[in-house]
C-alpha atoms as a PDB file:
ATOM      1  CA  MET A   1       0.000   0.000   0.000  1.00  0.00           C
ATOM      2  CA  PRO A   2       1.399   3.481  -0.847  1.00  0.00           C
ATOM      3  CA  GLN A   3       2.696   5.521   2.075  1.00  0.00           C
ATOM      4  CA  ASN A   4       0.070   8.261   1.663  1.00  0.00           C
ATOM      5  CA  SER A   5      -2.722   5.653   1.687  1.00  0.00           C
ATOM      6  CA  ILE A   6      -1.337   4.143   4.907  1.00  0.00           C
ATOM      7  CA  SER A   7      -1.179   7.603   6.529  1.00  0.00           C
ATOM      8  CA  SER A   8      -4.738   8.355   5.459  1.00  0.00           C
ATOM      9  CA  ALA A   9      -5.975   5.042   6.865  1.00  0.00           C
ATOM     10  CA  VAL A  10      -4.205   5.657  10.188  1.00  0.00           C
ATOM     11  CA  CYS A  11      -5.772   9.120  10.412  1.00  0.00           C
ATOM     12  CA  ASP A  12      -9.242   7.696   9.714  1.00  0.00           C
ATOM     13  CA  ILE A  13      -8.800   5.095  12.469  1.00  0.00           C
ATOM     14  CA  GLY A  14      -7.598   7.777  14.887  1.00  0.00           C
ATOM     15  CA  ARG A  15     -10.603   9.983  14.188  1.00  0.00           C
ATOM     16  CA  THR A  16     -12.965   7.020  14.645  1.00  0.00           C
ATOM     17  CA  LEU A  17     -11.419   6.056  17.999  1.00  0.00           C
ATOM     18  CA  ALA A  18     -11.509   9.669  19.157  1.00  0.00           C
ATOM     19  CA  GLY A  19     -15.202   9.822  18.344  1.00  0.00           C
ATOM     20  CA  LEU A  20     -15.855   6.653  20.355  1.00  0.00           C
ATOM     21  CA  PHE A  21     -13.872   7.403  23.485  1.00  0.00           C
ATOM     22  CA  LEU A  22     -13.541  11.178  23.735  1.00  0.00           C
ATOM     23  CA  PRO A  23     -16.331  13.708  24.326  1.00  0.00           C
ATOM     24  CA  GLY A  24     -17.019  15.749  21.203  1.00  0.00           C
ATOM     25  CA  CYS A  25     -16.871  19.538  21.310  1.00  0.00           C
ATOM     26  CA  CYS A  26     -18.381  22.132  18.987  1.00  0.00           C
ATOM     27  CA  CYS A  27     -15.640  23.388  16.689  1.00  0.00           C
ATOM     28  CA  LEU A  28     -16.793  26.975  17.311  1.00  0.00           C
ATOM     29  CA  CYS A  29     -17.869  27.368  20.951  1.00  0.00           C
ATOM     30  CA  SER A  30     -16.486  24.109  22.479  1.00  0.00           C
ATOM     31  CA  ASP A  31     -19.839  23.032  23.937  1.00  0.00           C
ATOM     32  CA  GLU A  32     -20.447  19.289  23.967  1.00  0.00           C
ATOM     33  CA  VAL A  33     -21.875  17.839  20.737  1.00  0.00           C
ATOM     34  CA  VAL A  34     -24.078  14.753  20.673  1.00  0.00           C
ATOM     35  CA  GLU A  35     -23.144  12.457  17.749  1.00  0.00           C
ATOM     36  CA  TYR A  36     -19.869  14.321  17.364  1.00  0.00           C
ATOM     37  CA  ARG A  37     -18.493  13.703  13.856  1.00  0.00           C
ATOM     38  CA  ASN A  38     -21.319  11.277  13.277  1.00  0.00           C
ATOM     39  CA  PRO A  39     -22.028  13.590  11.538  1.00  0.00           C
ATOM     40  CA  LYS A  40     -22.170  16.758  13.680  1.00  0.00           C
ATOM     41  CA  VAL A  41     -19.348  19.162  14.522  1.00  0.00           C
ATOM     42  CA  LEU A  42     -21.535  22.024  15.794  1.00  0.00           C
ATOM     43  CA  CYS A  43     -23.704  22.374  18.868  1.00  0.00           C
ATOM     44  CA  PRO A  44     -27.401  23.186  18.264  1.00  0.00           C
ATOM     45  CA  SER A  45     -26.929  26.884  19.060  1.00  0.00           C
ATOM     46  CA  CYS A  46     -24.066  27.396  16.603  1.00  0.00           C
ATOM     47  CA  GLU A  47     -25.874  25.308  13.989  1.00  0.00           C
ATOM     48  CA  ARG A  48     -28.977  27.524  14.224  1.00  0.00           C
ATOM     49  CA  GLU A  49     -26.852  30.640  13.844  1.00  0.00           C
ATOM     50  CA  ARG A  50     -25.040  29.192  10.828  1.00  0.00           C
ATOM     51  CA  THR A  51     -28.153  28.075   8.975  1.00  0.00           C
ATOM     52  CA  GLY A  52     -29.978  31.317   9.756  1.00  0.00           C
ATOM     53  CA  ALA A  53     -27.253  33.591   8.370  1.00  0.00           C
ATOM     54  CA  LYS A  54     -28.122  35.552   5.222  1.00  0.00           C
ATOM     55  CA  LYS A  55     -25.244  35.642   2.748  1.00  0.00           C
ATOM     56  CA  CYS A  56     -24.389  37.522  -0.413  1.00  0.00           C
ATOM     57  CA  PHE A  57     -25.189  35.230  -3.321  1.00  0.00           C
ATOM     58  CA  ARG A  58     -22.010  36.275  -5.148  1.00  0.00           C
ATOM     59  CA  CYS A  59     -19.234  36.371  -2.508  1.00  0.00           C
ATOM     60  CA  SER A  60     -20.824  34.544   0.464  1.00  0.00           C
ATOM     61  CA  ALA A  61     -20.261  37.386   2.943  1.00  0.00           C
ATOM     62  CA  VAL A  62     -22.768  37.242   5.787  1.00  0.00           C
ATOM     63  CA  LEU A  63     -25.046  40.281   5.630  1.00  0.00           C
ATOM     64  CA  SER A  64     -25.947  42.087   8.837  1.00  0.00           C
ATOM     65  CA  HIS A  65     -29.541  42.719   7.738  1.00  0.00           C
ATOM     66  CA  ALA A  66     -32.400  40.668   6.356  1.00  0.00           C
ATOM     67  CA  ASN A  67     -32.887  42.624   3.147  1.00  0.00           C
ATOM     68  CA  SER A  68     -32.358  40.844  -0.151  1.00  0.00           C
ATOM     69  CA  LEU A  69     -29.668  42.459  -2.281  1.00  0.00           C
ATOM     70  CA  PRO A  70     -28.826  42.090  -5.961  1.00  0.00           C
ATOM     71  CA  SER A  71     -25.383  40.515  -6.255  1.00  0.00           C
ATOM     72  CA  ASP A  72     -23.878  43.740  -7.618  1.00  0.00           C
ATOM     73  CA  ASP A  73     -24.980  45.733  -4.547  1.00  0.00           C
ATOM     74  CA  CYS A  74     -23.076  43.791  -1.878  1.00  0.00           C
ATOM     75  CA  PRO A  75     -20.642  46.279  -0.286  1.00  0.00           C
ATOM     76  CA  ALA A  76     -18.084  43.521   0.264  1.00  0.00           C
ATOM     77  CA  CYS A  77     -17.772  42.458  -3.389  1.00  0.00           C
ATOM     78  CA  HIS A  78     -19.490  44.886  -5.780  1.00  0.00           C
ATOM     79  CA  HIS A  79     -16.080  46.348  -6.720  1.00  0.00           C
ATOM     80  CA  LEU A  80     -14.375  42.957  -7.171  1.00  0.00           C
ATOM     81  CA  LYS A  81     -14.029  40.919 -10.342  1.00  0.00           C
ATOM     82  CA  LEU A  82     -14.598  37.318  -9.275  1.00  0.00           C
ATOM     83  CA  PRO A  83     -14.238  34.743 -12.068  1.00  0.00           C
ATOM     84  CA  PHE A  84     -15.954  31.965 -10.117  1.00  0.00           C
ATOM     85  CA  ALA A  85     -19.204  30.137 -10.697  1.00  0.00           C
ATOM     86  CA  GLU A  86     -19.895  30.484  -6.963  1.00  0.00           C
ATOM     87  CA  VAL A  87     -18.305  31.120  -3.577  1.00  0.00           C
ATOM     88  CA  SER A  88     -19.277  29.048  -0.542  1.00  0.00           C
ATOM     89  CA  SER A  89     -18.315  29.856   3.045  1.00  0.00           C
ATOM     90  CA  ILE A  90     -19.289  29.070   6.613  1.00  0.00           C
ATOM     91  CA  GLY A  91     -19.455  32.733   7.620  1.00  0.00           C
ATOM     92  CA  ASN A  92     -17.530  35.949   8.166  1.00  0.00           C
ATOM     93  CA  TYR A  93     -14.027  36.008   9.606  1.00  0.00           C
ATOM     94  CA  GLU A  94     -15.015  37.278  13.031  1.00  0.00           C
ATOM     95  CA  GLY A  95     -16.080  36.094  16.480  1.00  0.00           C
ATOM     96  CA  LEU A  96     -16.027  32.373  17.188  1.00  0.00           C
ATOM     97  CA  LEU A  97     -15.453  31.442  13.553  1.00  0.00           C
ATOM     98  CA  GLY A  98     -12.465  33.793  13.388  1.00  0.00           C
ATOM     99  CA  ASP A  99     -11.014  32.157  16.499  1.00  0.00           C
ATOM    100  CA  ALA A 100     -11.566  28.688  14.998  1.00  0.00           C
ATOM    101  CA  VAL A 101      -9.748  29.689  11.796  1.00  0.00           C
ATOM    102  CA  LEU A 102      -6.777  30.983  13.786  1.00  0.00           C
ATOM    103  CA  SER A 103      -6.689  27.717  15.719  1.00  0.00           C
ATOM    104  CA  ALA A 104      -6.803  25.714  12.478  1.00  0.00           C
ATOM    105  CA  LYS A 105      -3.838  27.663  11.092  1.00  0.00           C
ATOM    106  CA  SER A 106      -1.586  26.682  14.010  1.00  0.00           C
ATOM    107  CA  SER A 107       0.705  23.656  14.027  1.00  0.00           C
ATOM    108  CA  ARG A 108      -1.611  21.985  16.587  1.00  0.00           C
ATOM    109  CA  GLY A 109      -4.779  22.845  14.728  1.00  0.00           C
ATOM    110  CA  ARG A 110      -5.249  19.797  12.499  1.00  0.00           C
ATOM    111  CA  ALA A 111      -8.376  18.648  14.360  1.00  0.00           C
ATOM    112  CA  ALA A 112      -9.911  22.131  14.148  1.00  0.00           C
ATOM    113  CA  ALA A 113      -9.132  22.316  10.431  1.00  0.00           C
ATOM    114  CA  TRP A 114     -10.649  18.881   9.855  1.00  0.00           C
ATOM    115  CA  ASP A 115     -13.894  19.844  11.620  1.00  0.00           C
ATOM    116  CA  LEU A 116     -14.130  23.106   9.690  1.00  0.00           C
ATOM    117  CA  GLY A 117     -13.670  21.103   6.485  1.00  0.00           C
ATOM    118  CA  GLN A 118     -16.545  18.838   7.494  1.00  0.00           C
ATOM    119  CA  LEU A 119     -18.699  21.888   8.109  1.00  0.00           C
ATOM    120  CA  LEU A 120     -17.683  23.468   4.803  1.00  0.00           C
ATOM    121  CA  ALA A 121     -18.537  20.236   2.992  1.00  0.00           C
ATOM    122  CA  SER A 122     -22.130  20.606   4.182  1.00  0.00           C
ATOM    123  CA  GLU A 123     -22.227  23.982   2.406  1.00  0.00           C
ATOM    124  CA  LEU A 124     -21.120  22.339  -0.860  1.00  0.00           C
ATOM    125  CA  GLU A 125     -23.158  19.161  -1.013  1.00  0.00           C
ATOM    126  CA  ASN A 126     -25.978  19.044  -3.573  1.00  0.00           C
ATOM    127  CA  ARG A 127     -24.619  22.092  -5.420  1.00  0.00           C
ATOM    128  CA  THR A 128     -23.263  20.263  -8.456  1.00  0.00           C
ATOM    129  CA  GLU A 129     -24.481  17.404 -10.633  1.00  0.00           C
ATOM    130  CA  ILE A 130     -20.935  16.407 -11.622  1.00  0.00           C
ATOM    131  CA  GLU A 131     -18.421  15.368  -8.969  1.00  0.00           C
ATOM    132  CA  PRO A 132     -15.921  18.242  -8.703  1.00  0.00           C
ATOM    133  CA  TRP A 133     -12.224  17.996  -8.030  1.00  0.00           C
ATOM    134  CA  ILE A 134     -11.374  19.332  -4.584  1.00  0.00           C
ATOM    135  CA  VAL A 135      -8.180  21.397  -4.963  1.00  0.00           C
ATOM    136  CA  PRO A 136      -6.394  23.103  -2.041  1.00  0.00           C
ATOM    137  CA  VAL A 137      -4.874  26.529  -2.523  1.00  0.00           C
ATOM    138  CA  PRO A 138      -1.146  25.722  -2.550  1.00  0.00           C
ATOM    139  CA  MET A 139       1.394  26.906  -0.018  1.00  0.00           C
ATOM    140  CA  HIS A 140       5.091  27.275  -0.830  1.00  0.00           C
ATOM    141  CA  TRP A 141       7.039  24.377   0.663  1.00  0.00           C
ATOM    142  CA  MET A 142       9.232  26.664   2.774  1.00  0.00           C
ATOM    143  CA  ARG A 143       6.217  28.299   4.401  1.00  0.00           C
ATOM    144  CA  ARG A 144       4.633  24.897   4.988  1.00  0.00           C
ATOM    145  CA  ILE A 145       7.737  23.726   6.866  1.00  0.00           C
ATOM    146  CA  ARG A 146       7.940  26.942   8.873  1.00  0.00           C
ATOM    147  CA  ARG A 147       4.253  26.857   9.855  1.00  0.00           C
ATOM    148  CA  GLY A 148       4.195  23.115  10.528  1.00  0.00           C
ATOM    149  CA  THR A 149       0.849  22.551   8.827  1.00  0.00           C
ATOM    150  CA  ASP A 150      -1.020  23.120   5.564  1.00  0.00           C
ATOM    151  CA  THR A 151      -4.508  24.261   6.508  1.00  0.00           C
ATOM    152  CA  ALA A 152      -5.937  24.416   2.987  1.00  0.00           C
ATOM    153  CA  SER A 153      -4.826  20.851   2.306  1.00  0.00           C
ATOM    154  CA  ILE A 154      -6.418  19.542   5.525  1.00  0.00           C
ATOM    155  CA  LEU A 155      -9.657  21.374   4.722  1.00  0.00           C
ATOM    156  CA  ALA A 156      -9.702  19.941   1.202  1.00  0.00           C
ATOM    157  CA  LYS A 157      -9.015  16.398   2.401  1.00  0.00           C
ATOM    158  CA  SER A 158     -11.779  16.722   4.971  1.00  0.00           C
ATOM    159  CA  ILE A 159     -14.249  17.867   2.288  1.00  0.00           C
ATOM    160  CA  ALA A 160     -13.191  15.046  -0.028  1.00  0.00           C
ATOM    161  CA  HIS A 161     -13.569  12.516   2.796  1.00  0.00           C
ATOM    162  CA  LYS A 162     -17.101  13.635   3.656  1.00  0.00           C
ATOM    163  CA  THR A 163     -18.360  13.956   0.079  1.00  0.00           C
ATOM    164  CA  SER A 164     -16.286  11.191  -1.594  1.00  0.00           C
ATOM    165  CA  TRP A 165     -15.266  13.741  -4.230  1.00  0.00           C
ATOM    166  CA  PRO A 166     -11.751  13.421  -5.721  1.00  0.00           C
ATOM    167  CA  TYR A 167      -8.938  15.307  -3.976  1.00  0.00           C
ATOM    168  CA  ARG A 168      -6.337  16.737  -6.346  1.00  0.00           C
ATOM    169  CA  ARG A 169      -3.141  18.748  -5.821  1.00  0.00           C
ATOM    170  CA  LEU A 170      -3.645  20.371  -9.181  1.00  0.00           C
ATOM    171  CA  VAL A 171      -1.638  23.559  -8.646  1.00  0.00           C
ATOM    172  CA  TYR A 172       1.563  24.430  -6.817  1.00  0.00           C
ATOM    173  CA  CYS A 173       3.313  27.590  -5.630  1.00  0.00           C
ATOM    174  CA  GLN A 174       6.563  28.072  -7.517  1.00  0.00           C
ATOM    175  CA  ARG A 175       8.100  30.948  -5.531  1.00  0.00           C
ATOM    176  CA  ARG A 176       8.028  32.422  -2.057  1.00  0.00           C
ATOM    177  CA  LEU A 177       5.341  35.025  -1.452  1.00  0.00           C
ATOM    178  CA  ALA A 178       4.912  37.840   0.993  1.00  0.00           C
ATOM    179  CA  LYS A 179       1.984  37.228   3.339  1.00  0.00           C
ATOM    180  CA  GLN A 180      -1.131  38.628   1.709  1.00  0.00           C
ATOM    181  CA  SER A 181      -2.538  39.638   5.095  1.00  0.00           C
ATOM    182  CA  GLU A 182       0.470  41.905   5.686  1.00  0.00           C
ATOM    183  CA  LEU A 183       0.192  43.715   2.348  1.00  0.00           C
ATOM    184  CA  PRO A 184      -2.024  46.666   1.427  1.00  0.00           C
ATOM    185  CA  ILE A 185      -4.952  45.652  -0.747  1.00  0.00           C
ATOM    186  CA  SER A 186      -3.414  47.424  -3.758  1.00  0.00           C
ATOM    187  CA  ALA A 187      -0.291  45.181  -3.601  1.00  0.00           C
ATOM    188  CA  ARG A 188      -1.940  41.779  -3.210  1.00  0.00           C
ATOM    189  CA  LYS A 189      -2.661  41.161  -6.881  1.00  0.00           C
ATOM    190  CA  LYS A 190       0.956  41.897  -7.845  1.00  0.00           C
ATOM    191  CA  ASN A 191       2.274  39.644  -5.072  1.00  0.00           C
ATOM    192  CA  VAL A 192       0.596  36.516  -6.493  1.00  0.00           C
ATOM    193  CA  ARG A 193       0.891  37.287 -10.203  1.00  0.00           C
ATOM    194  CA  ASN A 194       2.506  34.291 -11.972  1.00  0.00           C
ATOM    195  CA  ALA A 195       3.266  32.667  -8.602  1.00  0.00           C
ATOM    196  CA  PHE A 196       1.398  29.435  -9.363  1.00  0.00           C
ATOM    197  CA  ALA A 197       1.570  26.685 -11.960  1.00  0.00           C
ATOM    198  CA  VAL A 198      -0.641  23.774 -12.941  1.00  0.00           C
ATOM    199  CA  LYS A 199       0.573  20.191 -12.737  1.00  0.00           C
ATOM    200  CA  GLY A 200      -1.340  17.387 -14.360  1.00  0.00           C
ATOM    201  CA  THR A 201      -4.197  17.532 -16.821  1.00  0.00           C
ATOM    202  CA  VAL A 202      -7.332  19.615 -16.441  1.00  0.00           C
ATOM    203  CA  LEU A 203     -10.586  18.112 -17.703  1.00  0.00           C
ATOM    204  CA  PRO A 204     -12.713  20.877 -19.310  1.00  0.00           C
ATOM    205  CA  ASP A 205     -16.015  19.375 -18.175  1.00  0.00           C
ATOM    206  CA  ARG A 206     -14.918  18.693 -14.579  1.00  0.00           C
ATOM    207  CA  PRO A 207     -15.819  21.382 -11.994  1.00  0.00           C
ATOM    208  CA  ILE A 208     -12.939  22.492  -9.785  1.00  0.00           C
ATOM    209  CA  VAL A 209     -13.460  23.659  -6.204  1.00  0.00           C
ATOM    210  CA  LEU A 210     -10.568  25.751  -4.863  1.00  0.00           C
ATOM    211  CA  VAL A 211     -10.356  25.413  -1.078  1.00  0.00           C
ATOM    212  CA  ASP A 212      -8.816  27.895   1.370  1.00  0.00           C
ATOM    213  CA  ASP A 213      -9.344  29.158   4.902  1.00  0.00           C
ATOM    214  CA  ILE A 214      -9.941  32.895   4.294  1.00  0.00           C
ATOM    215  CA  MET A 215     -10.833  35.145   1.373  1.00  0.00           C
ATOM    216  CA  THR A 216     -10.505  38.923   1.596  1.00  0.00           C
ATOM    217  CA  THR A 217      -9.973  40.544  -1.801  1.00  0.00           C
ATOM    218  CA  GLY A 218      -9.813  37.172  -3.548  1.00  0.00           C
ATOM    219  CA  ALA A 219      -6.514  38.048  -5.275  1.00  0.00           C
ATOM    220  CA  THR A 220      -4.949  34.606  -4.717  1.00  0.00           C
ATOM    221  CA  LEU A 221      -8.071  32.737  -5.813  1.00  0.00           C
ATOM    222  CA  VAL A 222      -8.525  34.978  -8.857  1.00  0.00           C
ATOM    223  CA  GLU A 223      -4.930  34.294  -9.925  1.00  0.00           C
ATOM    224  CA  LEU A 224      -5.436  30.547  -9.530  1.00  0.00           C
ATOM    225  CA  ALA A 225      -8.638  30.751 -11.560  1.00  0.00           C
ATOM    226  CA  ARG A 226      -6.766  32.665 -14.276  1.00  0.00           C
ATOM    227  CA  ILE A 227      -4.107  29.995 -14.772  1.00  0.00           C
ATOM    228  CA  LEU A 228      -6.677  27.186 -14.602  1.00  0.00           C
ATOM    229  CA  HIS A 229      -8.826  28.880 -17.238  1.00  0.00           C
ATOM    230  CA  LYS A 230      -5.720  29.146 -19.447  1.00  0.00           C
ATOM    231  CA  VAL A 231      -5.281  25.360 -19.439  1.00  0.00           C
ATOM    232  CA  GLY A 232      -8.912  24.612 -20.178  1.00  0.00           C
ATOM    233  CA  ALA A 233     -10.885  24.664 -16.912  1.00  0.00           C
ATOM    234  CA  SER A 234     -14.369  26.065 -17.461  1.00  0.00           C
ATOM    235  CA  ASP A 235     -16.193  25.658 -14.126  1.00  0.00           C
ATOM    236  CA  ILE A 236     -14.229  27.003 -11.161  1.00  0.00           C
ATOM    237  CA  ARG A 237     -15.783  27.397  -7.727  1.00  0.00           C
ATOM    238  CA  VAL A 238     -14.445  28.497  -4.370  1.00  0.00           C
ATOM    239  CA  ALA A 239     -14.962  27.049  -0.892  1.00  0.00           C
ATOM    240  CA  ILE A 240     -13.605  29.071   2.015  1.00  0.00           C
ATOM    241  CA  VAL A 241     -14.111  28.748   5.731  1.00  0.00           C
ATOM    242  CA  ALA A 242     -14.461  32.477   6.330  1.00  0.00           C
ATOM    243  CA  ARG A 243     -15.079  35.609   4.297  1.00  0.00           C
ATOM    244  CA  SER A 244     -12.908  38.443   5.590  1.00  0.00           C
ATOM    245  CA  ILE A 245     -14.302  41.914   5.002  1.00  0.00           C
ATOM    246  CA  PRO A 246     -12.999  45.385   5.920  1.00  0.00           C
ATOM    247  CA  GLN A 247     -14.283  46.557   9.291  1.00  0.00           C
ATOM    248  CA  TYR A 248     -15.684  49.769   7.827  1.00  0.00           C
ATOM    249  CA  LEU A 249     -18.197  47.838   5.712  1.00  0.00           C
ATOM    250  CA  ASN A 250     -21.597  47.227   7.263  1.00  0.00           C
ATOM    251  CA  VAL A 251     -22.662  44.200   5.239  1.00  0.00           C
END
């Protein structure tokens, strides 16, 4: 059996044993969860808040009011060019979800990332008639070593595990990048320009879901969509845990 298959099997066994012998906690508020990971990862209170949130149809930002908005009127994305068929998210990058994302990004946050991937998978199911490829947003190998984890990859594997959709490392990062979060918005597009490359063959009729933890301006995801379109991809979607929006916007 290949090494990666053995590792995957060991991880599956570990998660199963943890579900049997350890109390399950909500991945947002840490309250106890009945039927933890079978299939729930949220407590009833957090689940009600998640399902009751009203989101922008175009960028998936959670709106702070109940009014319906045309997609081009959302203050978080009306000025952005987003070449995606759709964007799915759990919620805004704030509060308990923001804390969970930060936990998932740490070297000890694999369990948190896995649970967030399970939750994100529930946002994606039944949205496509053709099984999509689940593709993590790539991290440069030096940053992956320094951080000690690859959050996007764990999220994508978790989604693929729950949905049985194919997981593919279809793109890679070919140079070191400055951290997008530390750059002004005007510099983020330039930072990622020509930073990625495609490996393998893209099937034109196969939807691709790009998976990441946070989207702010979407510069990284837009660049990935650009190079995938160049090699023949026609249906590109985005799945993110949290939609980060400027604090001055009242969405």
